[in-house]
Amino acid sequence: MKKRSGWIAAMLCFSWFLWGCNRNNPDWVPAYPVDIFISLDDPTFLQLKNFGGAATIQPSYGGKGIVIYRNGPESFSAVERTCSYRYTDSCARVNISSDEIWLECPCCGSRFTFDGQVLNAPASLPLRTYQTSYSPSNNTLRIYQ
């Protein structure tokens, strides 16, 4: 019985070691601190006046920027522009597709929904998402982690 429990303990340690090595998964995107307010009256965000509209915030926020999407009257999605596949590549930054149907990475070809879910590989993990809070009284959107 001692041999068997020793073998089980060894396998658990080995499994833990392998899991620990997998923490350097190339699909893992680090969390970036974000807490910003944007006015939807700003001409930069004109696309967000209508449902289904999308806009980007430049790389000074998040890793490589943020994509904002208007889901409904007071509902918004905000996702990291850093592609979840080989995120350290300089070109791994998702863009809004020309037909505004999805987000796509010019580097690897992965496609994502506006709420960050993977549509097409090679990415296997969704884009990092941010919380949003809309204030209709002053037409301001808060994006935060």
N, C-alpha and C. Protein backbone atom coordinates (compact mmCIF):
# COMPACT_ATOMS: atom_id res chain seq x y z
N MET A 1 0.82 -1.19 0.00
CA MET A 1 0.00 0.00 0.00
C MET A 1 0.86 1.26 0.00
N LYS A 2 2.02 1.22 0.73
CA LYS A 2 2.89 2.39 0.76
C LYS A 2 3.47 2.68 -0.63
N LYS A 3 3.80 1.61 -1.38
CA LYS A 3 4.33 1.81 -2.72
C LYS A 3 3.29 2.51 -3.61
N ARG A 4 2.05 2.07 -3.47
CA ARG A 4 0.98 2.63 -4.30
C ARG A 4 0.73 4.10 -3.96
N SER A 5 0.67 4.45 -2.69
CA SER A 5 0.44 5.85 -2.32
C SER A 5 1.63 6.72 -2.69
N GLY A 6 2.84 6.16 -2.62
CA GLY A 6 4.02 6.90 -3.05
C GLY A 6 3.99 7.18 -4.55
N TRP A 7 3.53 6.19 -5.32
CA TRP A 7 3.43 6.34 -6.77
C TRP A 7 2.38 7.41 -7.10
N ILE A 8 1.25 7.38 -6.39
CA ILE A 8 0.19 8.36 -6.62
C ILE A 8 0.70 9.77 -6.29
N ALA A 9 1.42 9.90 -5.19
CA ALA A 9 1.98 11.20 -4.80
C ALA A 9 2.96 11.69 -5.86
N ALA A 10 3.79 10.79 -6.38
CA ALA A 10 4.75 11.17 -7.42
C ALA A 10 4.03 11.64 -8.68
N MET A 11 2.96 10.95 -9.06
CA MET A 11 2.20 11.34 -10.26
C MET A 11 1.53 12.71 -10.05
N LEU A 12 1.01 12.94 -8.85
CA LEU A 12 0.40 14.24 -8.57
C LEU A 12 1.43 15.36 -8.64
N CYS A 13 2.61 15.13 -8.10
CA CYS A 13 3.67 16.14 -8.17
C CYS A 13 4.08 16.41 -9.61
N PHE A 14 4.21 15.34 -10.40
CA PHE A 14 4.59 15.48 -11.80
C PHE A 14 3.50 16.24 -12.58
N SER A 15 2.23 15.91 -12.29
CA SER A 15 1.12 16.61 -12.96
C SER A 15 1.13 18.09 -12.60
N TRP A 16 1.38 18.38 -11.32
CA TRP A 16 1.43 19.77 -10.88
C TRP A 16 2.57 20.50 -11.59
N PHE A 17 3.70 19.82 -11.76
CA PHE A 17 4.84 20.41 -12.46
C PHE A 17 4.46 20.73 -13.90
N LEU A 18 3.81 19.79 -14.58
CA LEU A 18 3.41 20.03 -15.97
C LEU A 18 2.40 21.16 -16.06
N TRP A 19 1.44 21.22 -15.14
CA TRP A 19 0.46 22.29 -15.14
C TRP A 19 1.16 23.63 -14.94
N GLY A 20 2.12 23.66 -14.05
CA GLY A 20 2.87 24.89 -13.78
C GLY A 20 3.62 25.37 -15.01
N CYS A 21 4.14 24.46 -15.80
CA CYS A 21 4.84 24.84 -17.03
C CYS A 21 3.87 25.41 -18.05
N ASN A 22 2.64 24.95 -18.03
CA ASN A 22 1.65 25.40 -18.98
C ASN A 22 1.16 26.81 -18.70
N ARG A 23 1.56 27.39 -17.57
CA ARG A 23 1.14 28.75 -17.26
C ARG A 23 1.77 29.76 -18.22
N ASN A 24 2.76 29.37 -18.97
CA ASN A 24 3.38 30.25 -19.96
C ASN A 24 2.72 30.07 -21.32
N ASN A 25 1.47 29.62 -21.32
CA ASN A 25 0.70 29.41 -22.52
C ASN A 25 0.73 30.68 -23.39
N PRO A 26 1.06 30.54 -24.67
CA PRO A 26 1.13 31.73 -25.53
C PRO A 26 -0.22 32.41 -25.73
N ASP A 27 -1.32 31.72 -25.40
CA ASP A 27 -2.65 32.33 -25.56
C ASP A 27 -3.03 33.21 -24.37
N TRP A 28 -2.25 33.22 -23.31
CA TRP A 28 -2.61 33.97 -22.12
C TRP A 28 -2.20 35.42 -22.27
N VAL A 29 -3.14 36.34 -22.18
CA VAL A 29 -2.87 37.77 -22.29
C VAL A 29 -2.89 38.37 -20.89
N PRO A 30 -1.86 39.11 -20.52
CA PRO A 30 -1.86 39.70 -19.18
C PRO A 30 -2.98 40.73 -19.00
N ALA A 31 -3.39 40.91 -17.77
CA ALA A 31 -4.41 41.91 -17.45
C ALA A 31 -3.75 43.28 -17.36
N TYR A 32 -4.37 44.25 -17.96
CA TYR A 32 -3.88 45.63 -17.92
C TYR A 32 -4.85 46.46 -17.09
N PRO A 33 -4.35 47.29 -16.21
CA PRO A 33 -5.27 48.11 -15.41
C PRO A 33 -5.95 49.15 -16.29
N VAL A 34 -7.27 49.17 -16.23
CA VAL A 34 -8.06 50.11 -17.03
C VAL A 34 -9.17 50.67 -16.16
N ASP A 35 -9.33 51.97 -16.18
CA ASP A 35 -10.45 52.65 -15.53
C ASP A 35 -10.57 54.02 -16.19
N ILE A 36 -11.36 54.07 -17.25
CA ILE A 36 -11.49 55.30 -18.03
C ILE A 36 -12.96 55.66 -18.23
N PHE A 37 -13.21 56.92 -18.48
CA PHE A 37 -14.54 57.42 -18.81
C PHE A 37 -14.45 58.05 -20.19
N ILE A 38 -15.42 57.74 -21.04
CA ILE A 38 -15.47 58.39 -22.35
C ILE A 38 -16.86 59.00 -22.54
N SER A 39 -16.88 60.15 -23.16
CA SER A 39 -18.13 60.82 -23.48
C SER A 39 -18.58 60.35 -24.86
N LEU A 40 -19.78 59.84 -24.94
CA LEU A 40 -20.29 59.40 -26.24
C LEU A 40 -20.72 60.58 -27.10
N ASP A 41 -20.62 61.79 -26.56
CA ASP A 41 -20.85 63.01 -27.35
C ASP A 41 -19.59 63.42 -28.10
N ASP A 42 -18.45 62.83 -27.75
CA ASP A 42 -17.18 63.10 -28.41
C ASP A 42 -17.27 62.57 -29.85
N PRO A 43 -16.95 63.38 -30.86
CA PRO A 43 -17.03 62.92 -32.26
C PRO A 43 -16.20 61.67 -32.55
N THR A 44 -15.19 61.42 -31.75
CA THR A 44 -14.37 60.21 -31.93
C THR A 44 -15.22 58.95 -31.79
N PHE A 45 -16.28 59.02 -31.00
CA PHE A 45 -17.09 57.84 -30.71
C PHE A 45 -18.49 57.92 -31.35
N LEU A 46 -18.57 58.64 -32.47
CA LEU A 46 -19.83 58.80 -33.20
C LEU A 46 -20.46 57.45 -33.55
N GLN A 47 -19.63 56.44 -33.86
CA GLN A 47 -20.14 55.11 -34.24
C GLN A 47 -20.93 54.46 -33.12
N LEU A 48 -20.71 54.87 -31.87
CA LEU A 48 -21.37 54.25 -30.74
C LEU A 48 -22.75 54.83 -30.45
N LYS A 49 -23.19 55.80 -31.25
CA LYS A 49 -24.53 56.37 -31.06
C LYS A 49 -25.62 55.35 -31.42
N ASN A 50 -25.32 54.45 -32.35
CA ASN A 50 -26.30 53.47 -32.83
C ASN A 50 -25.98 52.07 -32.33
N PHE A 51 -27.02 51.25 -32.14
CA PHE A 51 -26.82 49.86 -31.76
C PHE A 51 -26.04 49.15 -32.85
N GLY A 52 -25.11 48.34 -32.47
CA GLY A 52 -24.27 47.64 -33.44
C GLY A 52 -23.05 48.44 -33.85
N GLY A 53 -22.90 49.63 -33.31
CA GLY A 53 -21.74 50.46 -33.64
C GLY A 53 -20.53 50.05 -32.82
N ALA A 54 -19.36 50.22 -33.41
CA ALA A 54 -18.12 49.85 -32.72
C ALA A 54 -17.07 50.94 -32.92
N ALA A 55 -16.21 51.08 -31.94
CA ALA A 55 -15.12 52.06 -32.00
C ALA A 55 -13.93 51.50 -31.24
N THR A 56 -12.78 52.09 -31.50
CA THR A 56 -11.56 51.65 -30.80
C THR A 56 -10.97 52.79 -29.98
N ILE A 57 -10.29 52.39 -28.93
CA ILE A 57 -9.51 53.31 -28.11
C ILE A 57 -8.06 52.91 -28.30
N GLN A 58 -7.21 53.86 -28.46
CA GLN A 58 -5.81 53.60 -28.79
C GLN A 58 -5.03 52.91 -27.66
N PRO A 59 -3.84 52.43 -27.98
CA PRO A 59 -3.05 51.62 -27.05
C PRO A 59 -2.67 52.25 -25.72
N SER A 60 -2.95 53.50 -25.48
CA SER A 60 -2.62 54.05 -24.17
C SER A 60 -3.52 53.44 -23.10
N TYR A 61 -4.58 52.74 -23.53
CA TYR A 61 -5.46 52.03 -22.61
C TYR A 61 -5.42 50.55 -22.96
N GLY A 62 -5.27 49.70 -21.94
CA GLY A 62 -5.15 48.27 -22.20
C GLY A 62 -3.78 47.99 -22.79
N GLY A 63 -3.62 46.82 -23.34
CA GLY A 63 -2.33 46.43 -23.93
C GLY A 63 -2.11 47.09 -25.28
N LYS A 64 -2.98 46.77 -26.23
CA LYS A 64 -2.86 47.33 -27.58
C LYS A 64 -4.11 48.10 -27.95
N GLY A 65 -4.85 48.54 -26.93
CA GLY A 65 -6.07 49.29 -27.15
C GLY A 65 -7.29 48.50 -26.75
N ILE A 66 -8.46 49.10 -26.93
CA ILE A 66 -9.73 48.50 -26.54
C ILE A 66 -10.73 48.69 -27.68
N VAL A 67 -11.57 47.69 -27.91
CA VAL A 67 -12.69 47.80 -28.85
C VAL A 67 -13.96 47.91 -28.01
N ILE A 68 -14.79 48.90 -28.33
CA ILE A 68 -16.07 49.10 -27.65
C ILE A 68 -17.18 48.82 -28.65
N TYR A 69 -18.21 48.12 -28.21
CA TYR A 69 -19.33 47.76 -29.07
C TYR A 69 -20.64 48.08 -28.34
N ARG A 70 -21.57 48.69 -29.05
CA ARG A 70 -22.87 49.01 -28.44
C ARG A 70 -23.85 47.88 -28.72
N ASN A 71 -24.24 47.17 -27.64
CA ASN A 71 -25.16 46.03 -27.74
C ASN A 71 -26.63 46.43 -27.72
N GLY A 72 -26.95 47.54 -27.05
CA GLY A 72 -28.33 47.95 -26.88
C GLY A 72 -28.39 49.37 -26.35
N PRO A 73 -29.56 49.83 -25.93
CA PRO A 73 -29.71 51.22 -25.48
C PRO A 73 -28.73 51.63 -24.39
N GLU A 74 -28.53 50.74 -23.41
CA GLU A 74 -27.61 51.06 -22.31
C GLU A 74 -26.63 49.93 -22.07
N SER A 75 -26.37 49.14 -23.09
CA SER A 75 -25.50 47.97 -22.96
C SER A 75 -24.31 48.06 -23.93
N PHE A 76 -23.12 47.89 -23.38
CA PHE A 76 -21.89 47.96 -24.17
C PHE A 76 -20.98 46.79 -23.83
N SER A 77 -20.14 46.40 -24.78
CA SER A 77 -19.08 45.42 -24.55
C SER A 77 -17.76 46.14 -24.78
N ALA A 78 -16.75 45.75 -24.02
CA ALA A 78 -15.41 46.30 -24.21
C ALA A 78 -14.41 45.15 -24.10
N VAL A 79 -13.58 44.99 -25.13
CA VAL A 79 -12.59 43.91 -25.15
C VAL A 79 -11.21 44.46 -25.49
N GLU A 80 -10.21 43.75 -25.02
CA GLU A 80 -8.81 44.07 -25.31
C GLU A 80 -8.54 43.84 -26.79
N ARG A 81 -7.78 44.74 -27.40
CA ARG A 81 -7.42 44.57 -28.82
C ARG A 81 -6.26 43.59 -29.01
N THR A 82 -5.58 43.22 -27.93
CA THR A 82 -4.48 42.28 -28.04
C THR A 82 -5.03 40.89 -28.35
N CYS A 83 -4.63 40.32 -29.47
CA CYS A 83 -5.08 38.98 -29.86
C CYS A 83 -4.60 37.97 -28.81
N SER A 84 -5.45 37.00 -28.50
CA SER A 84 -5.09 36.01 -27.49
C SER A 84 -4.15 34.93 -28.02
N TYR A 85 -3.85 34.96 -29.29
CA TYR A 85 -2.92 33.98 -29.87
C TYR A 85 -1.57 34.67 -30.12
N ARG A 86 -0.54 34.20 -29.49
CA ARG A 86 0.81 34.77 -29.60
C ARG A 86 0.76 36.29 -29.40
N TYR A 87 0.23 36.68 -28.26
CA TYR A 87 -0.03 38.09 -27.96
C TYR A 87 1.22 38.96 -27.95
N THR A 88 2.40 38.38 -27.85
CA THR A 88 3.62 39.18 -27.83
C THR A 88 4.04 39.63 -29.22
N ASP A 89 3.48 39.04 -30.26
CA ASP A 89 3.81 39.49 -31.63
C ASP A 89 3.34 40.93 -31.80
N SER A 90 4.16 41.75 -32.41
CA SER A 90 3.82 43.18 -32.55
C SER A 90 2.56 43.40 -33.38
N CYS A 91 2.25 42.49 -34.29
CA CYS A 91 1.08 42.67 -35.15
C CYS A 91 -0.19 42.06 -34.55
N ALA A 92 -0.12 41.45 -33.38
CA ALA A 92 -1.26 40.74 -32.78
C ALA A 92 -2.25 41.72 -32.15
N ARG A 93 -2.88 42.52 -32.98
CA ARG A 93 -3.84 43.53 -32.52
C ARG A 93 -5.08 43.43 -33.39
N VAL A 94 -6.21 43.07 -32.77
CA VAL A 94 -7.44 42.87 -33.55
C VAL A 94 -7.99 44.20 -34.04
N ASN A 95 -8.61 44.14 -35.20
CA ASN A 95 -9.25 45.29 -35.82
C ASN A 95 -10.71 44.97 -36.08
N ILE A 96 -11.52 45.98 -36.22
CA ILE A 96 -12.92 45.80 -36.60
C ILE A 96 -12.92 45.46 -38.09
N SER A 97 -13.61 44.38 -38.47
CA SER A 97 -13.65 43.99 -39.88
C SER A 97 -14.29 45.09 -40.72
N SER A 98 -13.97 45.11 -41.99
CA SER A 98 -14.47 46.18 -42.87
C SER A 98 -16.00 46.18 -42.95
N ASP A 99 -16.63 45.02 -42.79
CA ASP A 99 -18.10 44.96 -42.81
C ASP A 99 -18.69 45.05 -41.39
N GLU A 100 -17.83 45.29 -40.41
CA GLU A 100 -18.21 45.47 -39.00
C GLU A 100 -19.02 44.30 -38.45
N ILE A 101 -18.65 43.07 -38.86
CA ILE A 101 -19.34 41.87 -38.39
C ILE A 101 -18.57 41.19 -37.27
N TRP A 102 -17.25 41.32 -37.26
CA TRP A 102 -16.42 40.67 -36.25
C TRP A 102 -15.13 41.43 -36.07
N LEU A 103 -14.30 40.92 -35.18
CA LEU A 103 -12.95 41.44 -34.97
C LEU A 103 -11.99 40.44 -35.58
N GLU A 104 -10.93 40.93 -36.19
CA GLU A 104 -9.97 40.01 -36.81
C GLU A 104 -8.54 40.45 -36.55
N CYS A 105 -7.67 39.45 -36.42
CA CYS A 105 -6.25 39.71 -36.18
C CYS A 105 -5.51 39.59 -37.51
N PRO A 106 -4.85 40.66 -37.96
CA PRO A 106 -4.12 40.61 -39.22
C PRO A 106 -2.87 39.72 -39.14
N CYS A 107 -2.44 39.44 -37.94
CA CYS A 107 -1.22 38.67 -37.72
C CYS A 107 -1.45 37.16 -37.92
N CYS A 108 -2.48 36.62 -37.25
CA CYS A 108 -2.70 35.17 -37.29
C CYS A 108 -3.98 34.77 -38.03
N GLY A 109 -4.86 35.72 -38.30
CA GLY A 109 -6.10 35.42 -39.00
C GLY A 109 -7.26 35.01 -38.10
N SER A 110 -7.05 34.99 -36.79
CA SER A 110 -8.14 34.64 -35.87
C SER A 110 -9.25 35.68 -35.97
N ARG A 111 -10.49 35.22 -35.75
CA ARG A 111 -11.64 36.11 -35.73
C ARG A 111 -12.39 35.93 -34.41
N PHE A 112 -12.97 37.04 -33.94
CA PHE A 112 -13.66 37.06 -32.66
C PHE A 112 -14.98 37.81 -32.78
N THR A 113 -15.92 37.48 -31.91
CA THR A 113 -17.16 38.25 -31.81
C THR A 113 -16.84 39.55 -31.07
N PHE A 114 -17.79 40.47 -31.05
CA PHE A 114 -17.55 41.74 -30.36
C PHE A 114 -17.55 41.59 -28.84
N ASP A 115 -17.99 40.44 -28.34
CA ASP A 115 -17.85 40.21 -26.91
C ASP A 115 -16.63 39.34 -26.61
N GLY A 116 -15.77 39.14 -27.63
CA GLY A 116 -14.47 38.52 -27.43
C GLY A 116 -14.39 37.02 -27.65
N GLN A 117 -15.49 36.36 -28.00
CA GLN A 117 -15.46 34.91 -28.19
C GLN A 117 -14.79 34.55 -29.52
N VAL A 118 -14.07 33.44 -29.53
CA VAL A 118 -13.35 32.98 -30.72
C VAL A 118 -14.33 32.46 -31.77
N LEU A 119 -14.20 32.97 -32.99
CA LEU A 119 -14.97 32.47 -34.13
C LEU A 119 -14.13 31.54 -34.99
N ASN A 120 -12.87 31.92 -35.21
CA ASN A 120 -11.96 31.14 -36.05
C ASN A 120 -10.59 31.04 -35.40
N ALA A 121 -9.99 29.84 -35.50
CA ALA A 121 -8.65 29.58 -34.98
C ALA A 121 -7.64 30.33 -35.85
N PRO A 122 -6.41 30.44 -35.40
CA PRO A 122 -5.74 29.58 -34.43
C PRO A 122 -5.94 29.96 -32.97
N ALA A 123 -6.49 31.13 -32.65
CA ALA A 123 -6.70 31.49 -31.24
C ALA A 123 -7.64 30.45 -30.62
N SER A 124 -7.35 30.10 -29.38
CA SER A 124 -8.21 29.14 -28.68
C SER A 124 -8.87 29.77 -27.45
N LEU A 125 -8.39 30.91 -27.04
CA LEU A 125 -8.96 31.60 -25.89
C LEU A 125 -9.61 32.91 -26.34
N PRO A 126 -10.67 33.35 -25.63
CA PRO A 126 -11.33 34.61 -26.00
C PRO A 126 -10.44 35.80 -25.69
N LEU A 127 -10.84 36.94 -26.22
CA LEU A 127 -10.16 38.19 -25.89
C LEU A 127 -10.49 38.55 -24.44
N ARG A 128 -9.58 39.26 -23.81
CA ARG A 128 -9.82 39.71 -22.44
C ARG A 128 -10.93 40.77 -22.48
N THR A 129 -11.87 40.66 -21.56
CA THR A 129 -12.99 41.60 -21.52
C THR A 129 -12.84 42.58 -20.37
N TYR A 130 -13.49 43.72 -20.51
CA TYR A 130 -13.54 44.75 -19.48
C TYR A 130 -14.99 44.98 -19.09
N GLN A 131 -15.20 45.45 -17.89
CA GLN A 131 -16.53 45.82 -17.41
C GLN A 131 -16.90 47.18 -18.01
N THR A 132 -18.20 47.40 -18.20
CA THR A 132 -18.67 48.70 -18.67
C THR A 132 -19.84 49.16 -17.81
N SER A 133 -19.98 50.46 -17.70
CA SER A 133 -21.08 51.06 -16.97
C SER A 133 -21.47 52.34 -17.71
N TYR A 134 -22.73 52.41 -18.13
CA TYR A 134 -23.20 53.55 -18.92
C TYR A 134 -24.08 54.46 -18.07
N SER A 135 -23.83 55.76 -18.18
CA SER A 135 -24.64 56.76 -17.50
C SER A 135 -25.41 57.55 -18.56
N PRO A 136 -26.70 57.25 -18.74
CA PRO A 136 -27.48 57.97 -19.76
C PRO A 136 -27.66 59.46 -19.46
N SER A 137 -27.60 59.83 -18.18
CA SER A 137 -27.83 61.24 -17.83
C SER A 137 -26.76 62.16 -18.41
N ASN A 138 -25.52 61.68 -18.49
CA ASN A 138 -24.47 62.50 -19.09
C ASN A 138 -23.82 61.82 -20.30
N ASN A 139 -24.44 60.73 -20.79
CA ASN A 139 -23.98 60.02 -21.98
C ASN A 139 -22.50 59.63 -21.89
N THR A 140 -22.14 59.08 -20.73
CA THR A 140 -20.76 58.70 -20.46
C THR A 140 -20.65 57.20 -20.23
N LEU A 141 -19.60 56.62 -20.76
CA LEU A 141 -19.34 55.19 -20.58
C LEU A 141 -18.06 55.02 -19.78
N ARG A 142 -18.15 54.21 -18.73
CA ARG A 142 -16.96 53.87 -17.94
C ARG A 142 -16.52 52.48 -18.36
N ILE A 143 -15.22 52.33 -18.61
CA ILE A 143 -14.62 51.04 -18.95
C ILE A 143 -13.58 50.76 -17.87
N TYR A 144 -13.69 49.61 -17.25
CA TYR A 144 -12.80 49.32 -16.12
C TYR A 144 -12.59 47.81 -15.98
N GLN A 145 -11.59 47.48 -15.18
CA GLN A 145 -11.27 46.07 -14.91
C GLN A 145 -11.74 45.74 -13.52
